Amino acid sequence: MHIDKSQILELLRHQGENDKAAQAESELPEQVDTDQHADLLSKLGINPAELLGKLPGGLGDKLGGLGL
């Protein structure tokens, strides 16, 4: 799945992870592929499955509404 880098940065900043947000800003491409960039996300302490669940209005909200 593709996610805008800005959504990841916003999530990290919202969680108070400003250092990780700065690192992500310099290392991640504008469009992050959760499969292709799994190593980079992991290095930032981000689990792609958890990330999808935390993004507002994203897949996480849809799955949560289904009870998954």
Protein backbone atom coordinates (compact mmCIF):
# COMPACT_ATOMS: atom_id res chain seq x y z
CA MET A 1 0.00 0.00 0.00
CA HIS A 2 1.17 3.53 -0.75
CA ILE A 3 1.06 6.25 1.88
CA ASP A 4 2.01 9.90 1.54
CA LYS A 5 5.15 10.72 3.47
CA SER A 6 3.32 13.71 4.96
CA GLN A 7 0.83 11.38 6.69
CA ILE A 8 3.68 9.43 8.30
CA LEU A 9 5.38 12.65 9.40
CA GLU A 10 2.13 13.96 10.87
CA LEU A 11 1.57 10.73 12.77
CA LEU A 12 5.11 10.72 14.19
CA ARG A 13 4.84 14.36 15.25
CA HIS A 14 1.44 13.75 16.82
CA GLN A 15 3.05 10.98 18.89
CA GLY A 16 5.84 13.35 19.97
CA GLU A 17 8.43 11.52 17.88
CA ASN A 18 10.03 14.67 16.45
CA ASP A 19 13.48 13.10 16.00
CA LYS A 20 12.01 10.18 14.08
CA ALA A 21 9.88 12.58 12.02
CA ALA A 22 12.99 14.52 11.03
CA GLN A 23 14.75 11.29 10.10
CA ALA A 24 11.72 10.10 8.12
CA GLU A 25 11.52 13.42 6.31
CA SER A 26 15.06 13.04 5.02
CA GLU A 27 14.99 9.30 4.28
CA LEU A 28 11.52 8.43 3.00
CA PRO A 29 10.31 9.14 -0.54
CA GLU A 30 7.19 11.27 -1.10
CA GLN A 31 5.12 8.13 -1.73
CA VAL A 32 5.98 5.36 0.73
CA ASP A 33 5.26 1.79 -0.36
CA THR A 34 4.73 -0.15 2.88
CA ASP A 35 6.17 -3.32 1.31
CA GLN A 36 9.08 -1.80 -0.57
CA HIS A 37 10.09 0.54 2.27
CA ALA A 38 9.40 -1.83 5.16
CA ASP A 39 13.08 -1.74 6.23
CA LEU A 40 13.11 2.07 6.42
CA LEU A 41 9.83 2.10 8.33
CA SER A 42 11.15 -0.53 10.72
CA LYS A 43 14.31 1.52 11.29
CA LEU A 44 12.03 4.39 12.32
CA GLY A 45 10.15 2.11 14.70
CA ILE A 46 7.08 1.96 12.50
CA ASN A 47 5.22 -1.30 11.92
CA PRO A 48 3.45 -0.93 8.54
CA ALA A 49 0.38 -2.87 9.72
CA GLU A 50 0.06 -0.67 12.81
CA LEU A 51 0.69 2.43 10.71
CA LEU A 52 -2.25 1.62 8.44
CA GLY A 53 -4.45 1.20 11.50
CA LYS A 54 -3.48 4.59 12.92
CA LEU A 55 -3.93 6.75 9.84
CA PRO A 56 -7.09 8.85 10.15
CA GLY A 57 -9.60 8.23 7.41
CA GLY A 58 -7.44 5.48 6.01
CA LEU A 59 -7.55 1.73 5.87
CA GLY A 60 -7.43 1.49 9.65
CA ASP A 61 -10.73 3.34 10.04
CA LYS A 62 -12.37 1.16 7.40
CA LEU A 63 -11.15 -2.08 8.96
CA GLY A 64 -12.05 -0.90 12.43
CA GLY A 65 -15.59 -0.31 11.27
CA LEU A 66 -15.73 -3.90 10.06
CA GLY A 67 -14.63 -5.26 13.40
CA LEU A 68 -11.33 -6.55 11.96
